[in-house]
Amino acid sequence: MSTTTSSRQPKRTLWTVGDIARELGIPEHSVDYAIRKYHIGESQRAGILRLYDADGFDAVRMALRRIERRGNL
């Protein structure tokens, strides 16, 4: 009996602050504010760029919703 395993890694998508802003249709400074207010850490860095994975992206989206509900954005 032989088993086959896939050697392919799942595609991992990373977003910058600008990417997240464009995806959500809001200004970059709003994304940056949410990241700083809720201390959302980047998953990687590329030079000076902060990169966020899917979990980070979701954390930013939830933070923005909380901020919006409170009327601070």
PDB file of N, CA and C in Angstrom:
ATOM      1  N   MET A   1       0.845  -1.170   0.000  1.00  0.00           N
ATOM      2  CA  MET A   1       0.000   0.000   0.000  1.00  0.00           C
ATOM      3  C   MET A   1       0.894   1.237   0.000  1.00  0.00           C
ATOM      4  N   SER A   2       0.664   2.096  -0.931  1.00  0.00           N
ATOM      5  CA  SER A   2       1.475   3.300  -1.007  1.00  0.00           C
ATOM      6  C   SER A   2       0.621   4.509  -0.686  1.00  0.00           C
ATOM      7  N   THR A   3       1.238   5.428  -0.024  1.00  0.00           N
ATOM      8  CA  THR A   3       0.543   6.681   0.271  1.00  0.00           C
ATOM      9  C   THR A   3       1.267   7.792  -0.452  1.00  0.00           C
ATOM     10  N   THR A   4       0.512   8.687  -0.950  1.00  0.00           N
ATOM     11  CA  THR A   4       1.119   9.836  -1.626  1.00  0.00           C
ATOM     12  C   THR A   4       0.882  11.065  -0.784  1.00  0.00           C
ATOM     13  N   THR A   5       1.903  11.822  -0.627  1.00  0.00           N
ATOM     14  CA  THR A   5       1.762  13.089   0.085  1.00  0.00           C
ATOM     15  C   THR A   5       2.106  14.208  -0.863  1.00  0.00           C
ATOM     16  N   SER A   6       1.406  15.252  -0.720  1.00  0.00           N
ATOM     17  CA  SER A   6       1.653  16.408  -1.568  1.00  0.00           C
ATOM     18  C   SER A   6       2.830  17.189  -1.015  1.00  0.00           C
ATOM     19  N   SER A   7       3.794  17.478  -1.863  1.00  0.00           N
ATOM     20  CA  SER A   7       4.944  18.266  -1.420  1.00  0.00           C
ATOM     21  C   SER A   7       4.688  19.754  -1.604  1.00  0.00           C
ATOM     22  N   ARG A   8       3.531  20.085  -2.150  1.00  0.00           N
ATOM     23  CA  ARG A   8       3.207  21.499  -2.361  1.00  0.00           C
ATOM     24  C   ARG A   8       2.751  22.129  -1.065  1.00  0.00           C
ATOM     25  N   GLN A   9       3.293  23.268  -0.769  1.00  0.00           N
ATOM     26  CA  GLN A   9       2.883  24.039   0.401  1.00  0.00           C
ATOM     27  C   GLN A   9       1.640  24.849   0.034  1.00  0.00           C
ATOM     28  N   PRO A  10       0.717  25.026   0.971  1.00  0.00           N
ATOM     29  CA  PRO A  10      -0.424  25.893   0.664  1.00  0.00           C
ATOM     30  C   PRO A  10       0.057  27.317   0.424  1.00  0.00           C
ATOM     31  N   LYS A  11      -0.599  27.975  -0.508  1.00  0.00           N
ATOM     32  CA  LYS A  11      -0.216  29.351  -0.822  1.00  0.00           C
ATOM     33  C   LYS A  11      -0.529  30.237   0.374  1.00  0.00           C
ATOM     34  N   ARG A  12       0.448  30.966   0.794  1.00  0.00           N
ATOM     35  CA  ARG A  12       0.277  31.870   1.928  1.00  0.00           C
ATOM     36  C   ARG A  12       0.271  33.293   1.407  1.00  0.00           C
ATOM     37  N   THR A  13      -0.798  33.981   1.669  1.00  0.00           N
ATOM     38  CA  THR A  13      -0.941  35.354   1.210  1.00  0.00           C
ATOM     39  C   THR A  13      -0.630  36.299   2.353  1.00  0.00           C
ATOM     40  N   LEU A  14       0.177  37.291   2.065  1.00  0.00           N
ATOM     41  CA  LEU A  14       0.521  38.315   3.039  1.00  0.00           C
ATOM     42  C   LEU A  14       0.084  39.675   2.514  1.00  0.00           C
ATOM     43  N   TRP A  15      -0.379  40.525   3.426  1.00  0.00           N
ATOM     44  CA  TRP A  15      -0.852  41.849   3.056  1.00  0.00           C
ATOM     45  C   TRP A  15      -0.066  42.917   3.793  1.00  0.00           C
ATOM     46  N   THR A  16       0.194  44.019   3.111  1.00  0.00           N
ATOM     47  CA  THR A  16       0.754  45.212   3.756  1.00  0.00           C
ATOM     48  C   THR A  16      -0.424  46.046   4.267  1.00  0.00           C
ATOM     49  N   VAL A  17      -0.130  47.103   5.002  1.00  0.00           N
ATOM     50  CA  VAL A  17      -1.177  48.011   5.475  1.00  0.00           C
ATOM     51  C   VAL A  17      -1.944  48.579   4.277  1.00  0.00           C
ATOM     52  N   GLY A  18      -1.217  48.948   3.228  1.00  0.00           N
ATOM     53  CA  GLY A  18      -1.865  49.481   2.023  1.00  0.00           C
ATOM     54  C   GLY A  18      -2.759  48.459   1.342  1.00  0.00           C
ATOM     55  N   ASP A  19      -2.314  47.209   1.305  1.00  0.00           N
ATOM     56  CA  ASP A  19      -3.126  46.139   0.711  1.00  0.00           C
ATOM     57  C   ASP A  19      -4.434  45.960   1.484  1.00  0.00           C
ATOM     58  N   ILE A  20      -4.330  45.950   2.798  1.00  0.00           N
ATOM     59  CA  ILE A  20      -5.527  45.783   3.633  1.00  0.00           C
ATOM     60  C   ILE A  20      -6.482  46.954   3.411  1.00  0.00           C
ATOM     61  N   ALA A  21      -5.943  48.162   3.367  1.00  0.00           N
ATOM     62  CA  ALA A  21      -6.773  49.354   3.149  1.00  0.00           C
ATOM     63  C   ALA A  21      -7.502  49.278   1.812  1.00  0.00           C
ATOM     64  N   ARG A  22      -6.778  48.901   0.766  1.00  0.00           N
ATOM     65  CA  ARG A  22      -7.413  48.789  -0.559  1.00  0.00           C
ATOM     66  C   ARG A  22      -8.482  47.699  -0.566  1.00  0.00           C
ATOM     67  N   GLU A  23      -8.187  46.574   0.050  1.00  0.00           N
ATOM     68  CA  GLU A  23      -9.138  45.461   0.095  1.00  0.00           C
ATOM     69  C   GLU A  23     -10.420  45.850   0.827  1.00  0.00           C
ATOM     70  N   LEU A  24     -10.284  46.638   1.899  1.00  0.00           N
ATOM     71  CA  LEU A  24     -11.448  47.044   2.691  1.00  0.00           C
ATOM     72  C   LEU A  24     -12.062  48.359   2.231  1.00  0.00           C
ATOM     73  N   GLY A  25     -11.379  49.063   1.317  1.00  0.00           N
ATOM     74  CA  GLY A  25     -11.909  50.311   0.778  1.00  0.00           C
ATOM     75  C   GLY A  25     -11.882  51.466   1.767  1.00  0.00           C
ATOM     76  N   ILE A  26     -10.834  51.519   2.597  1.00  0.00           N
ATOM     77  CA  ILE A  26     -10.698  52.583   3.582  1.00  0.00           C
ATOM     78  C   ILE A  26      -9.294  53.172   3.501  1.00  0.00           C
ATOM     79  N   PRO A  27      -9.079  54.346   4.098  1.00  0.00           N
ATOM     80  CA  PRO A  27      -7.743  54.963   4.064  1.00  0.00           C
ATOM     81  C   PRO A  27      -6.711  54.151   4.866  1.00  0.00           C
ATOM     82  N   GLU A  28      -5.457  54.226   4.421  1.00  0.00           N
ATOM     83  CA  GLU A  28      -4.371  53.521   5.102  1.00  0.00           C
ATOM     84  C   GLU A  28      -4.234  53.951   6.554  1.00  0.00           C
ATOM     85  N   HIS A  29      -4.423  55.248   6.833  1.00  0.00           N
ATOM     86  CA  HIS A  29      -4.243  55.701   8.211  1.00  0.00           C
ATOM     87  C   HIS A  29      -5.264  55.079   9.155  1.00  0.00           C
ATOM     88  N   SER A  30      -6.434  54.719   8.649  1.00  0.00           N
ATOM     89  CA  SER A  30      -7.435  54.043   9.482  1.00  0.00           C
ATOM     90  C   SER A  30      -6.979  52.638   9.855  1.00  0.00           C
ATOM     91  N   VAL A  31      -6.387  51.936   8.887  1.00  0.00           N
ATOM     92  CA  VAL A  31      -5.849  50.598   9.147  1.00  0.00           C
ATOM     93  C   VAL A  31      -4.706  50.701  10.145  1.00  0.00           C
ATOM     94  N   ASP A  32      -3.816  51.646   9.934  1.00  0.00           N
ATOM     95  CA  ASP A  32      -2.678  51.822  10.822  1.00  0.00           C
ATOM     96  C   ASP A  32      -3.152  52.152  12.243  1.00  0.00           C
ATOM     97  N   TYR A  33      -4.172  52.982  12.365  1.00  0.00           N
ATOM     98  CA  TYR A  33      -4.727  53.324  13.676  1.00  0.00           C
ATOM     99  C   TYR A  33      -5.247  52.077  14.385  1.00  0.00           C
ATOM    100  N   ALA A  34      -6.003  51.235  13.672  1.00  0.00           N
ATOM    101  CA  ALA A  34      -6.555  50.012  14.262  1.00  0.00           C
ATOM    102  C   ALA A  34      -5.433  49.075  14.716  1.00  0.00           C
ATOM    103  N   ILE A  35      -4.388  48.959  13.910  1.00  0.00           N
ATOM    104  CA  ILE A  35      -3.257  48.092  14.244  1.00  0.00           C
ATOM    105  C   ILE A  35      -2.574  48.577  15.512  1.00  0.00           C
ATOM    106  N   ARG A  36      -2.374  49.881  15.616  1.00  0.00           N
ATOM    107  CA  ARG A  36      -1.705  50.434  16.800  1.00  0.00           C
ATOM    108  C   ARG A  36      -2.607  50.381  18.039  1.00  0.00           C
ATOM    109  N   LYS A  37      -3.876  50.721  17.876  1.00  0.00           N
ATOM    110  CA  LYS A  37      -4.805  50.749  19.010  1.00  0.00           C
ATOM    111  C   LYS A  37      -4.977  49.366  19.629  1.00  0.00           C
ATOM    112  N   TYR A  38      -5.067  48.341  18.805  1.00  0.00           N
ATOM    113  CA  TYR A  38      -5.302  46.978  19.294  1.00  0.00           C
ATOM    114  C   TYR A  38      -4.036  46.118  19.316  1.00  0.00           C
ATOM    115  N   HIS A  39      -2.883  46.742  19.129  1.00  0.00           N
ATOM    116  CA  HIS A  39      -1.586  46.055  19.227  1.00  0.00           C
ATOM    117  C   HIS A  39      -1.550  44.778  18.394  1.00  0.00           C
ATOM    118  N   ILE A  40      -1.944  44.904  17.125  1.00  0.00           N
ATOM    119  CA  ILE A  40      -1.946  43.757  16.214  1.00  0.00           C
ATOM    120  C   ILE A  40      -0.545  43.632  15.627  1.00  0.00           C
ATOM    121  N   GLY A  41       0.100  42.522  15.918  1.00  0.00           N
ATOM    122  CA  GLY A  41       1.473  42.313  15.460  1.00  0.00           C
ATOM    123  C   GLY A  41       1.523  41.753  14.050  1.00  0.00           C
ATOM    124  N   GLU A  42       2.549  42.154  13.336  1.00  0.00           N
ATOM    125  CA  GLU A  42       2.724  41.628  11.981  1.00  0.00           C
ATOM    126  C   GLU A  42       3.207  40.184  12.059  1.00  0.00           C
ATOM    127  N   SER A  43       2.954  39.425  11.004  1.00  0.00           N
ATOM    128  CA  SER A  43       3.431  38.046  10.981  1.00  0.00           C
ATOM    129  C   SER A  43       4.848  37.971  10.424  1.00  0.00           C
ATOM    130  N   GLN A  44       5.210  38.938   9.585  1.00  0.00           N
ATOM    131  CA  GLN A  44       6.558  38.996   9.014  1.00  0.00           C
ATOM    132  C   GLN A  44       6.895  40.447   8.707  1.00  0.00           C
ATOM    133  N   ARG A  45       8.175  40.656   8.431  1.00  0.00           N
ATOM    134  CA  ARG A  45       8.627  41.963   7.951  1.00  0.00           C
ATOM    135  C   ARG A  45       9.459  41.731   6.703  1.00  0.00           C
ATOM    136  N   ALA A  46       9.351  42.663   5.781  1.00  0.00           N
ATOM    137  CA  ALA A  46      10.180  42.666   4.576  1.00  0.00           C
ATOM    138  C   ALA A  46      10.765  44.070   4.496  1.00  0.00           C
ATOM    139  N   GLY A  47      11.968  44.219   5.008  1.00  0.00           N
ATOM    140  CA  GLY A  47      12.550  45.551   5.095  1.00  0.00           C
ATOM    141  C   GLY A  47      11.750  46.382   6.069  1.00  0.00           C
ATOM    142  N   ILE A  48      11.206  47.500   5.595  1.00  0.00           N
ATOM    143  CA  ILE A  48      10.395  48.349   6.471  1.00  0.00           C
ATOM    144  C   ILE A  48       8.908  48.001   6.411  1.00  0.00           C
ATOM    145  N   LEU A  49       8.528  47.076   5.546  1.00  0.00           N
ATOM    146  CA  LEU A  49       7.124  46.712   5.391  1.00  0.00           C
ATOM    147  C   LEU A  49       6.679  45.742   6.473  1.00  0.00           C
ATOM    148  N   ARG A  50       5.518  46.013   7.049  1.00  0.00           N
ATOM    149  CA  ARG A  50       4.898  45.078   7.985  1.00  0.00           C
ATOM    150  C   ARG A  50       3.933  44.221   7.177  1.00  0.00           C
ATOM    151  N   LEU A  51       4.055  42.914   7.307  1.00  0.00           N
ATOM    152  CA  LEU A  51       3.224  41.989   6.546  1.00  0.00           C
ATOM    153  C   LEU A  51       2.300  41.228   7.479  1.00  0.00           C
ATOM    154  N   TYR A  52       1.049  41.127   7.083  1.00  0.00           N
ATOM    155  CA  TYR A  52       0.021  40.480   7.895  1.00  0.00           C
ATOM    156  C   TYR A  52      -0.546  39.287   7.148  1.00  0.00           C
ATOM    157  N   ASP A  53      -0.706  38.166   7.856  1.00  0.00           N
ATOM    158  CA  ASP A  53      -1.289  36.972   7.254  1.00  0.00           C
ATOM    159  C   ASP A  53      -2.815  37.048   7.375  1.00  0.00           C
ATOM    160  N   ALA A  54      -3.503  35.957   7.039  1.00  0.00           N
ATOM    161  CA  ALA A  54      -4.966  35.948   7.060  1.00  0.00           C
ATOM    162  C   ALA A  54      -5.509  36.229   8.459  1.00  0.00           C
ATOM    163  N   ASP A  55      -4.859  35.695   9.488  1.00  0.00           N
ATOM    164  CA  ASP A  55      -5.305  35.959  10.857  1.00  0.00           C
ATOM    165  C   ASP A  55      -5.140  37.439  11.212  1.00  0.00           C
ATOM    166  N   GLY A  56      -4.027  38.024  10.796  1.00  0.00           N
ATOM    167  CA  GLY A  56      -3.806  39.448  11.032  1.00  0.00           C
ATOM    168  C   GLY A  56      -4.818  40.299  10.288  1.00  0.00           C
ATOM    169  N   PHE A  57      -5.104  39.916   9.051  1.00  0.00           N
ATOM    170  CA  PHE A  57      -6.099  40.627   8.246  1.00  0.00           C
ATOM    171  C   PHE A  57      -7.446  40.611   8.958  1.00  0.00           C
ATOM    172  N   ASP A  58      -7.855  39.431   9.450  1.00  0.00           N
ATOM    173  CA  ASP A  58      -9.125  39.318  10.166  1.00  0.00           C
ATOM    174  C   ASP A  58      -9.118  40.132  11.456  1.00  0.00           C
ATOM    175  N   ALA A  59      -7.982  40.144  12.154  1.00  0.00           N
ATOM    176  CA  ALA A  59      -7.871  40.922  13.384  1.00  0.00           C
ATOM    177  C   ALA A  59      -8.039  42.413  13.097  1.00  0.00           C
ATOM    178  N   VAL A  60      -7.457  42.883  12.007  1.00  0.00           N
ATOM    179  CA  VAL A  60      -7.606  44.290  11.622  1.00  0.00           C
ATOM    180  C   VAL A  60      -9.060  44.590  11.279  1.00  0.00           C
ATOM    181  N   ARG A  61      -9.686  43.706  10.540  1.00  0.00           N
ATOM    182  CA  ARG A  61     -11.092  43.908  10.164  1.00  0.00           C
ATOM    183  C   ARG A  61     -11.985  43.983  11.413  1.00  0.00           C
ATOM    184  N   MET A  62     -11.756  43.086  12.365  1.00  0.00           N
ATOM    185  CA  MET A  62     -12.549  43.108  13.602  1.00  0.00           C
ATOM    186  C   MET A  62     -12.272  44.366  14.418  1.00  0.00           C
ATOM    187  N   ALA A  63     -11.013  44.778  14.473  1.00  0.00           N
ATOM    188  CA  ALA A  63     -10.652  45.999  15.200  1.00  0.00           C
ATOM    189  C   ALA A  63     -11.348  47.209  14.581  1.00  0.00           C
ATOM    190  N   LEU A  64     -11.368  47.270  13.263  1.00  0.00           N
ATOM    191  CA  LEU A  64     -12.032  48.385  12.588  1.00  0.00           C
ATOM    192  C   LEU A  64     -13.530  48.403  12.878  1.00  0.00           C
ATOM    193  N   ARG A  65     -14.144  47.222  12.953  1.00  0.00           N
ATOM    194  CA  ARG A  65     -15.570  47.157  13.291  1.00  0.00           C
ATOM    195  C   ARG A  65     -15.816  47.680  14.701  1.00  0.00           C
ATOM    196  N   ARG A  66     -14.942  47.292  15.648  1.00  0.00           N
ATOM    197  CA  ARG A  66     -15.082  47.771  17.032  1.00  0.00           C
ATOM    198  C   ARG A  66     -14.939  49.286  17.092  1.00  0.00           C
ATOM    199  N   ILE A  67     -13.953  49.801  16.386  1.00  0.00           N
ATOM    200  CA  ILE A  67     -13.720  51.248  16.367  1.00  0.00           C
ATOM    201  C   ILE A  67     -14.913  51.964  15.756  1.00  0.00           C
ATOM    202  N   GLU A  68     -15.431  51.423  14.665  1.00  0.00           N
ATOM    203  CA  GLU A  68     -16.578  52.046  13.998  1.00  0.00           C
ATOM    204  C   GLU A  68     -17.810  52.062  14.887  1.00  0.00           C
ATOM    205  N   ARG A  69     -18.034  50.946  15.617  1.00  0.00           N
ATOM    206  CA  ARG A  69     -19.197  50.889  16.530  1.00  0.00           C
ATOM    207  C   ARG A  69     -19.094  51.936  17.627  1.00  0.00           C
ATOM    208  N   ARG A  70     -17.874  52.215  18.053  1.00  0.00           N
ATOM    209  CA  ARG A  70     -17.670  53.212  19.115  1.00  0.00           C
ATOM    210  C   ARG A  70     -17.660  54.637  18.581  1.00  0.00           C
ATOM    211  N   GLY A  71     -17.629  54.778  17.261  1.00  0.00           N
ATOM    212  CA  GLY A  71     -17.656  56.103  16.660  1.00  0.00           C
ATOM    213  C   GLY A  71     -16.322  56.811  16.680  1.00  0.00           C
ATOM    214  N   ASN A  72     -15.218  56.060  16.796  1.00  0.00           N
ATOM    215  CA  ASN A  72     -13.889  56.665  16.858  1.00  0.00           C
ATOM    216  C   ASN A  72     -13.175  56.724  15.521  1.00  0.00           C
ATOM    217  N   LEU A  73     -13.793  56.301  14.463  1.00  0.00           N
ATOM    218  CA  LEU A  73     -13.106  56.265  13.170  1.00  0.00           C
ATOM    219  C   LEU A  73     -13.731  57.228  12.209  1.00  0.00           C
TER     220      LEU A  73
END
